[in-house]
PDB file of all heavy atoms in Angstrom:
ATOM      1  N   ALA A   1       9.136  15.511  12.507  1.00  0.00           N
ATOM      2  CA  ALA A   1       7.699  15.244  12.456  1.00  0.00           C
ATOM      3  C   ALA A   1       7.434  14.186  11.391  1.00  0.00           C
ATOM      4  O   ALA A   1       7.966  14.252  10.277  1.00  0.00           O
ATOM      5  CB  ALA A   1       6.918  16.514  12.146  1.00  0.00           C
ATOM      6  N   TYR A   2       6.617  13.216  11.742  1.00  0.00           N
ATOM      7  CA  TYR A   2       6.315  12.087  10.856  1.00  0.00           C
ATOM      8  C   TYR A   2       5.151  12.441   9.934  1.00  0.00           C
ATOM      9  O   TYR A   2       4.121  12.954  10.378  1.00  0.00           O
ATOM     10  CB  TYR A   2       5.969  10.866  11.703  1.00  0.00           C
ATOM     11  CG  TYR A   2       5.520   9.653  10.922  1.00  0.00           C
ATOM     12  CD1 TYR A   2       6.449   8.833  10.285  1.00  0.00           C
ATOM     13  CD2 TYR A   2       4.176   9.312  10.841  1.00  0.00           C
ATOM     14  CE1 TYR A   2       6.053   7.708   9.577  1.00  0.00           C
ATOM     15  CE2 TYR A   2       3.762   8.190  10.142  1.00  0.00           C
ATOM     16  CZ  TYR A   2       4.709   7.391   9.517  1.00  0.00           C
ATOM     17  OH  TYR A   2       4.300   6.283   8.811  1.00  0.00           O
ATOM     18  N   LEU A   3       5.314  12.158   8.631  1.00  0.00           N
ATOM     19  CA  LEU A   3       4.262  12.433   7.650  1.00  0.00           C
ATOM     20  C   LEU A   3       3.599  11.164   7.125  1.00  0.00           C
ATOM     21  O   LEU A   3       2.417  11.171   6.798  1.00  0.00           O
ATOM     22  CB  LEU A   3       4.834  13.219   6.459  1.00  0.00           C
ATOM     23  CG  LEU A   3       5.425  14.593   6.750  1.00  0.00           C
ATOM     24  CD1 LEU A   3       5.964  15.203   5.462  1.00  0.00           C
ATOM     25  CD2 LEU A   3       4.381  15.506   7.375  1.00  0.00           C
ATOM     26  N   GLY A   4       4.350  10.096   7.007  1.00  0.00           N
ATOM     27  CA  GLY A   4       3.788   8.868   6.443  1.00  0.00           C
ATOM     28  C   GLY A   4       4.904   7.981   5.953  1.00  0.00           C
ATOM     29  O   GLY A   4       6.061   8.132   6.320  1.00  0.00           O
ATOM     30  N   ARG A   5       4.546   7.042   5.089  1.00  0.00           N
ATOM     31  CA  ARG A   5       5.502   6.102   4.545  1.00  0.00           C
ATOM     32  C   ARG A   5       5.836   6.446   3.094  1.00  0.00           C
ATOM     33  O   ARG A   5       4.980   6.920   2.348  1.00  0.00           O
ATOM     34  CB  ARG A   5       4.923   4.687   4.603  1.00  0.00           C
ATOM     35  CG  ARG A   5       4.722   4.142   5.994  1.00  0.00           C
ATOM     36  CD  ARG A   5       6.022   3.763   6.627  1.00  0.00           C
ATOM     37  NE  ARG A   5       6.692   2.721   5.841  1.00  0.00           N
ATOM     38  CZ  ARG A   5       7.951   2.345   6.053  1.00  0.00           C
ATOM     39  NH1 ARG A   5       8.677   2.935   6.980  1.00  0.00           N
ATOM     40  NH2 ARG A   5       8.489   1.396   5.323  1.00  0.00           N
ATOM     41  N   THR A   6       7.093   6.216   2.712  1.00  0.00           N
ATOM     42  CA  THR A   6       7.452   6.466   1.321  1.00  0.00           C
ATOM     43  C   THR A   6       6.779   5.482   0.386  1.00  0.00           C
ATOM     44  O   THR A   6       6.655   5.750  -0.815  1.00  0.00           O
ATOM     45  CB  THR A   6       8.977   6.379   1.120  1.00  0.00           C
ATOM     46  OG1 THR A   6       9.436   5.097   1.565  1.00  0.00           O
ATOM     47  CG2 THR A   6       9.688   7.458   1.911  1.00  0.00           C
ATOM     48  N   ASP A   7       6.343   4.330   0.914  1.00  0.00           N
ATOM     49  CA  ASP A   7       5.620   3.399   0.052  1.00  0.00           C
ATOM     50  C   ASP A   7       4.192   3.860  -0.196  1.00  0.00           C
ATOM     51  O   ASP A   7       3.410   3.177  -0.840  1.00  0.00           O
ATOM     52  CB  ASP A   7       5.644   1.976   0.610  1.00  0.00           C
ATOM     53  CG  ASP A   7       5.158   1.884   2.052  1.00  0.00           C
ATOM     54  OD1 ASP A   7       4.485   2.838   2.509  1.00  0.00           O
ATOM     55  OD2 ASP A   7       5.449   0.885   2.718  1.00  0.00           O
ATOM     56  N   GLN A   8       3.842   5.053   0.328  1.00  0.00           N
ATOM     57  CA  GLN A   8       2.573   5.675  -0.008  1.00  0.00           C
ATOM     58  C   GLN A   8       2.687   6.515  -1.277  1.00  0.00           C
ATOM     59  O   GLN A   8       1.733   7.148  -1.692  1.00  0.00           O
ATOM     60  CB  GLN A   8       2.083   6.574   1.131  1.00  0.00           C
ATOM     61  CG  GLN A   8       1.548   5.830   2.351  1.00  0.00           C
ATOM     62  CD  GLN A   8       0.981   6.790   3.367  1.00  0.00           C
ATOM     63  OE1 GLN A   8       1.684   7.617   3.942  1.00  0.00           O
ATOM     64  NE2 GLN A   8      -0.301   6.704   3.601  1.00  0.00           N
ATOM     65  N   GLN A   9       3.876   6.546  -1.888  1.00  0.00           N
ATOM     66  CA  GLN A   9       4.043   7.314  -3.114  1.00  0.00           C
ATOM     67  C   GLN A   9       3.191   6.713  -4.234  1.00  0.00           C
ATOM     68  O   GLN A   9       3.159   5.507  -4.426  1.00  0.00           O
ATOM     69  CB  GLN A   9       5.505   7.316  -3.548  1.00  0.00           C
ATOM     70  CG  GLN A   9       6.414   8.166  -2.673  1.00  0.00           C
ATOM     71  CD  GLN A   9       7.826   8.208  -3.237  1.00  0.00           C
ATOM     72  OE1 GLN A   9       8.201   7.389  -4.059  1.00  0.00           O
ATOM     73  NE2 GLN A   9       8.601   9.174  -2.798  1.00  0.00           N
ATOM     74  N   VAL A  10       2.526   7.577  -4.963  1.00  0.00           N
ATOM     75  CA  VAL A  10       1.742   7.146  -6.111  1.00  0.00           C
ATOM     76  C   VAL A  10       1.998   8.130  -7.246  1.00  0.00           C
ATOM     77  O   VAL A  10       2.528   9.223  -7.039  1.00  0.00           O
ATOM     78  CB  VAL A  10       0.230   7.110  -5.789  1.00  0.00           C
ATOM     79  CG1 VAL A  10      -0.075   6.068  -4.740  1.00  0.00           C
ATOM     80  CG2 VAL A  10      -0.256   8.483  -5.318  1.00  0.00           C
ATOM     81  N   LYS A  11       1.640   7.733  -8.451  1.00  0.00           N
ATOM     82  CA  LYS A  11       1.767   8.635  -9.587  1.00  0.00           C
ATOM     83  C   LYS A  11       0.392   9.093 -10.024  1.00  0.00           C
ATOM     84  O   LYS A  11      -0.493   8.275 -10.295  1.00  0.00           O
ATOM     85  CB  LYS A  11       2.500   7.939 -10.744  1.00  0.00           C
ATOM     86  CG  LYS A  11       4.013   8.037 -10.625  1.00  0.00           C
ATOM     87  CD  LYS A  11       4.678   7.866 -11.974  1.00  0.00           C
ATOM     88  CE  LYS A  11       6.162   8.205 -11.881  1.00  0.00           C
ATOM     89  NZ  LYS A  11       6.822   8.094 -13.196  1.00  0.00           N
ATOM     90  N   ILE A  12       0.215  10.401 -10.055  1.00  0.00           N
ATOM     91  CA  ILE A  12      -1.029  11.016 -10.507  1.00  0.00           C
ATOM     92  C   ILE A  12      -0.712  11.800 -11.769  1.00  0.00           C
ATOM     93  O   ILE A  12      -0.012  12.822 -11.715  1.00  0.00           O
ATOM     94  CB  ILE A  12      -1.633  11.948  -9.438  1.00  0.00           C
ATOM     95  CG1 ILE A  12      -1.841  11.212  -8.113  1.00  0.00           C
ATOM     96  CG2 ILE A  12      -2.935  12.555  -9.941  1.00  0.00           C
ATOM     97  CD1 ILE A  12      -2.886  10.136  -8.143  1.00  0.00           C
ATOM     98  N   ARG A  13      -1.171  11.303 -12.910  1.00  0.00           N
ATOM     99  CA  ARG A  13      -0.949  11.953 -14.207  1.00  0.00           C
ATOM    100  C   ARG A  13       0.515  12.330 -14.413  1.00  0.00           C
ATOM    101  O   ARG A  13       0.841  13.460 -14.785  1.00  0.00           O
ATOM    102  CB  ARG A  13      -1.875  13.161 -14.352  1.00  0.00           C
ATOM    103  CG  ARG A  13      -3.343  12.795 -14.298  1.00  0.00           C
ATOM    104  CD  ARG A  13      -4.227  13.886 -14.841  1.00  0.00           C
ATOM    105  NE  ARG A  13      -4.154  15.117 -14.089  1.00  0.00           N
ATOM    106  CZ  ARG A  13      -4.832  15.345 -12.985  1.00  0.00           C
ATOM    107  NH1 ARG A  13      -5.629  14.403 -12.491  1.00  0.00           N
ATOM    108  NH2 ARG A  13      -4.734  16.491 -12.364  1.00  0.00           N
ATOM    109  N   GLY A  14       1.414  11.376 -14.111  1.00  0.00           N
ATOM    110  CA  GLY A  14       2.829  11.568 -14.381  1.00  0.00           C
ATOM    111  C   GLY A  14       3.617  12.194 -13.251  1.00  0.00           C
ATOM    112  O   GLY A  14       4.846  12.236 -13.310  1.00  0.00           O
ATOM    113  N   HIS A  15       2.956  12.681 -12.203  1.00  0.00           N
ATOM    114  CA  HIS A  15       3.645  13.304 -11.072  1.00  0.00           C
ATOM    115  C   HIS A  15       3.683  12.329  -9.899  1.00  0.00           C
ATOM    116  O   HIS A  15       2.679  11.696  -9.568  1.00  0.00           O
ATOM    117  CB  HIS A  15       2.936  14.591 -10.638  1.00  0.00           C
ATOM    118  CG  HIS A  15       2.972  15.674 -11.664  1.00  0.00           C
ATOM    119  ND1 HIS A  15       4.049  16.525 -11.817  1.00  0.00           N
ATOM    120  CD2 HIS A  15       2.069  16.063 -12.600  1.00  0.00           C
ATOM    121  CE1 HIS A  15       3.808  17.379 -12.795  1.00  0.00           C
ATOM    122  NE2 HIS A  15       2.607  17.126 -13.284  1.00  0.00           N
ATOM    123  N   ARG A  16       4.840  12.237  -9.243  1.00  0.00           N
ATOM    124  CA  ARG A  16       4.952  11.393  -8.058  1.00  0.00           C
ATOM    125  C   ARG A  16       4.400  12.158  -6.862  1.00  0.00           C
ATOM    126  O   ARG A  16       4.841  13.265  -6.558  1.00  0.00           O
ATOM    127  CB  ARG A  16       6.409  10.995  -7.814  1.00  0.00           C
ATOM    128  CG  ARG A  16       6.557   9.948  -6.713  1.00  0.00           C
ATOM    129  CD  ARG A  16       7.950   9.369  -6.691  1.00  0.00           C
ATOM    130  NE  ARG A  16       8.259   8.641  -7.910  1.00  0.00           N
ATOM    131  CZ  ARG A  16       7.850   7.401  -8.153  1.00  0.00           C
ATOM    132  NH1 ARG A  16       7.112   6.751  -7.260  1.00  0.00           N
ATOM    133  NH2 ARG A  16       8.159   6.801  -9.267  1.00  0.00           N
ATOM    134  N   VAL A  17       3.423  11.579  -6.196  1.00  0.00           N
ATOM    135  CA  VAL A  17       2.709  12.242  -5.102  1.00  0.00           C
ATOM    136  C   VAL A  17       2.922  11.470  -3.809  1.00  0.00           C
ATOM    137  O   VAL A  17       2.802  10.242  -3.781  1.00  0.00           O
ATOM    138  CB  VAL A  17       1.199  12.337  -5.420  1.00  0.00           C
ATOM    139  CG1 VAL A  17       0.421  12.853  -4.225  1.00  0.00           C
ATOM    140  CG2 VAL A  17       0.971  13.236  -6.632  1.00  0.00           C
ATOM    141  N   GLU A  18       3.264  12.180  -2.736  1.00  0.00           N
ATOM    142  CA  GLU A  18       3.350  11.599  -1.402  1.00  0.00           C
ATOM    143  C   GLU A  18       2.012  11.816  -0.709  1.00  0.00           C
ATOM    144  O   GLU A  18       1.630  12.953  -0.404  1.00  0.00           O
ATOM    145  CB  GLU A  18       4.462  12.291  -0.591  1.00  0.00           C
ATOM    146  CG  GLU A  18       5.844  12.208  -1.217  1.00  0.00           C
ATOM    147  CD  GLU A  18       6.534  10.900  -0.912  1.00  0.00           C
ATOM    148  OE1 GLU A  18       5.893  10.034  -0.286  1.00  0.00           O
ATOM    149  OE2 GLU A  18       7.702  10.746  -1.304  1.00  0.00           O
ATOM    150  N   LEU A  19       1.270  10.763  -0.463  1.00  0.00           N
ATOM    151  CA  LEU A  19      -0.036  10.906   0.177  1.00  0.00           C
ATOM    152  C   LEU A  19       0.103  11.516   1.560  1.00  0.00           C
ATOM    153  O   LEU A  19      -0.754  12.300   1.993  1.00  0.00           O
ATOM    154  CB  LEU A  19      -0.728   9.541   0.258  1.00  0.00           C
ATOM    155  CG  LEU A  19      -1.049   8.871  -1.084  1.00  0.00           C
ATOM    156  CD1 LEU A  19      -1.729   7.534  -0.851  1.00  0.00           C
ATOM    157  CD2 LEU A  19      -1.921   9.772  -1.947  1.00  0.00           C
ATOM    158  N   GLY A  20       1.177  11.187   2.264  1.00  0.00           N
ATOM    159  CA  GLY A  20       1.387  11.760   3.588  1.00  0.00           C
ATOM    160  C   GLY A  20       1.575  13.263   3.547  1.00  0.00           C
ATOM    161  O   GLY A  20       1.150  13.983   4.461  1.00  0.00           O
ATOM    162  N   GLU A  21       2.206  13.758   2.496  1.00  0.00           N
ATOM    163  CA  GLU A  21       2.395  15.199   2.352  1.00  0.00           C
ATOM    164  C   GLU A  21       1.053  15.899   2.147  1.00  0.00           C
ATOM    165  O   GLU A  21       0.793  16.964   2.721  1.00  0.00           O
ATOM    166  CB  GLU A  21       3.331  15.483   1.175  1.00  0.00           C
ATOM    167  CG  GLU A  21       3.683  16.952   0.998  1.00  0.00           C
ATOM    168  CD  GLU A  21       4.661  17.175  -0.142  1.00  0.00           C
ATOM    169  OE1 GLU A  21       5.131  16.188  -0.736  1.00  0.00           O
ATOM    170  OE2 GLU A  21       4.945  18.354  -0.433  1.00  0.00           O
ATOM    171  N   VAL A  22       0.181  15.304   1.321  1.00  0.00           N
ATOM    172  CA  VAL A  22      -1.149  15.875   1.107  1.00  0.00           C
ATOM    173  C   VAL A  22      -1.931  15.880   2.422  1.00  0.00           C
ATOM    174  O   VAL A  22      -2.578  16.875   2.780  1.00  0.00           O
ATOM    175  CB  VAL A  22      -1.903  15.075   0.026  1.00  0.00           C
ATOM    176  CG1 VAL A  22      -3.320  15.611  -0.151  1.00  0.00           C
ATOM    177  CG2 VAL A  22      -1.152  15.118  -1.296  1.00  0.00           C
ATOM    178  N   GLU A  23      -1.868  14.781   3.158  1.00  0.00           N
ATOM    179  CA  GLU A  23      -2.585  14.689   4.435  1.00  0.00           C
ATOM    180  C   GLU A  23      -2.080  15.723   5.429  1.00  0.00           C
ATOM    181  O   GLU A  23      -2.866  16.316   6.177  1.00  0.00           O
ATOM    182  CB  GLU A  23      -2.438  13.277   5.002  1.00  0.00           C
ATOM    183  CG  GLU A  23      -3.187  12.233   4.197  1.00  0.00           C
ATOM    184  CD  GLU A  23      -2.908  10.812   4.658  1.00  0.00           C
ATOM    185  OE1 GLU A  23      -1.922  10.611   5.404  1.00  0.00           O
ATOM    186  OE2 GLU A  23      -3.665   9.895   4.287  1.00  0.00           O
ATOM    187  N   ALA A  24      -0.771  15.959   5.443  1.00  0.00           N
ATOM    188  CA  ALA A  24      -0.208  16.926   6.396  1.00  0.00           C
ATOM    189  C   ALA A  24      -0.718  18.333   6.124  1.00  0.00           C
ATOM    190  O   ALA A  24      -0.993  19.099   7.057  1.00  0.00           O
ATOM    191  CB  ALA A  24       1.316  16.885   6.328  1.00  0.00           C
ATOM    192  N   VAL A  25      -0.861  18.691   4.852  1.00  0.00           N
ATOM    193  CA  VAL A  25      -1.351  20.036   4.517  1.00  0.00           C
ATOM    194  C   VAL A  25      -2.803  20.197   4.941  1.00  0.00           C
ATOM    195  O   VAL A  25      -3.188  21.217   5.522  1.00  0.00           O
ATOM    196  CB  VAL A  25      -1.182  20.299   3.004  1.00  0.00           C
ATOM    197  CG1 VAL A  25      -1.787  21.649   2.633  1.00  0.00           C
ATOM    198  CG2 VAL A  25       0.286  20.258   2.620  1.00  0.00           C
ATOM    199  N   PHE A  26      -3.635  19.188   4.687  1.00  0.00           N
ATOM    200  CA  PHE A  26      -5.035  19.279   5.089  1.00  0.00           C
ATOM    201  C   PHE A  26      -5.166  19.252   6.613  1.00  0.00           C
ATOM    202  O   PHE A  26      -5.999  19.963   7.185  1.00  0.00           O
ATOM    203  CB  PHE A  26      -5.841  18.136   4.474  1.00  0.00           C
ATOM    204  CG  PHE A  26      -6.352  18.421   3.093  1.00  0.00           C
ATOM    205  CD1 PHE A  26      -5.590  18.107   1.977  1.00  0.00           C
ATOM    206  CD2 PHE A  26      -7.585  19.019   2.891  1.00  0.00           C
ATOM    207  CE1 PHE A  26      -6.043  18.382   0.703  1.00  0.00           C
ATOM    208  CE2 PHE A  26      -8.055  19.298   1.626  1.00  0.00           C
ATOM    209  CZ  PHE A  26      -7.281  18.977   0.524  1.00  0.00           C
ATOM    210  N   ALA A  27      -4.360  18.447   7.283  1.00  0.00           N
ATOM    211  CA  ALA A  27      -4.448  18.340   8.740  1.00  0.00           C
ATOM    212  C   ALA A  27      -4.103  19.642   9.433  1.00  0.00           C
ATOM    213  O   ALA A  27      -4.508  19.873  10.581  1.00  0.00           O
ATOM    214  CB  ALA A  27      -3.531  17.220   9.235  1.00  0.00           C
ATOM    215  N   ALA A  28      -3.352  20.523   8.746  1.00  0.00           N
ATOM    216  CA  ALA A  28      -2.982  21.809   9.343  1.00  0.00           C
ATOM    217  C   ALA A  28      -4.146  22.800   9.359  1.00  0.00           C
ATOM    218  O   ALA A  28      -4.082  23.815  10.061  1.00  0.00           O
ATOM    219  CB  ALA A  28      -1.802  22.401   8.583  1.00  0.00           C
ATOM    220  N   HIS A  29      -5.219  22.518   8.619  1.00  0.00           N
ATOM    221  CA  HIS A  29      -6.371  23.424   8.611  1.00  0.00           C
ATOM    222  C   HIS A  29      -7.145  23.257   9.917  1.00  0.00           C
ATOM    223  O   HIS A  29      -7.413  22.141  10.358  1.00  0.00           O
ATOM    224  CB  HIS A  29      -7.272  23.102   7.416  1.00  0.00           C
ATOM    225  CG  HIS A  29      -8.324  24.144   7.156  1.00  0.00           C
ATOM    226  ND1 HIS A  29      -9.457  24.273   7.931  1.00  0.00           N
ATOM    227  CD2 HIS A  29      -8.396  25.113   6.205  1.00  0.00           C
ATOM    228  CE1 HIS A  29     -10.192  25.265   7.471  1.00  0.00           C
ATOM    229  NE2 HIS A  29      -9.579  25.795   6.416  1.00  0.00           N
TER     230      HIS A  29
END
């Protein structure tokens, strides 16, 4: 299953965040 691109990685207060991973969790609701 496709989540997004690794170049969507960003750092939020020192943590590396995958935007696609966040979107996948919300999309499951």
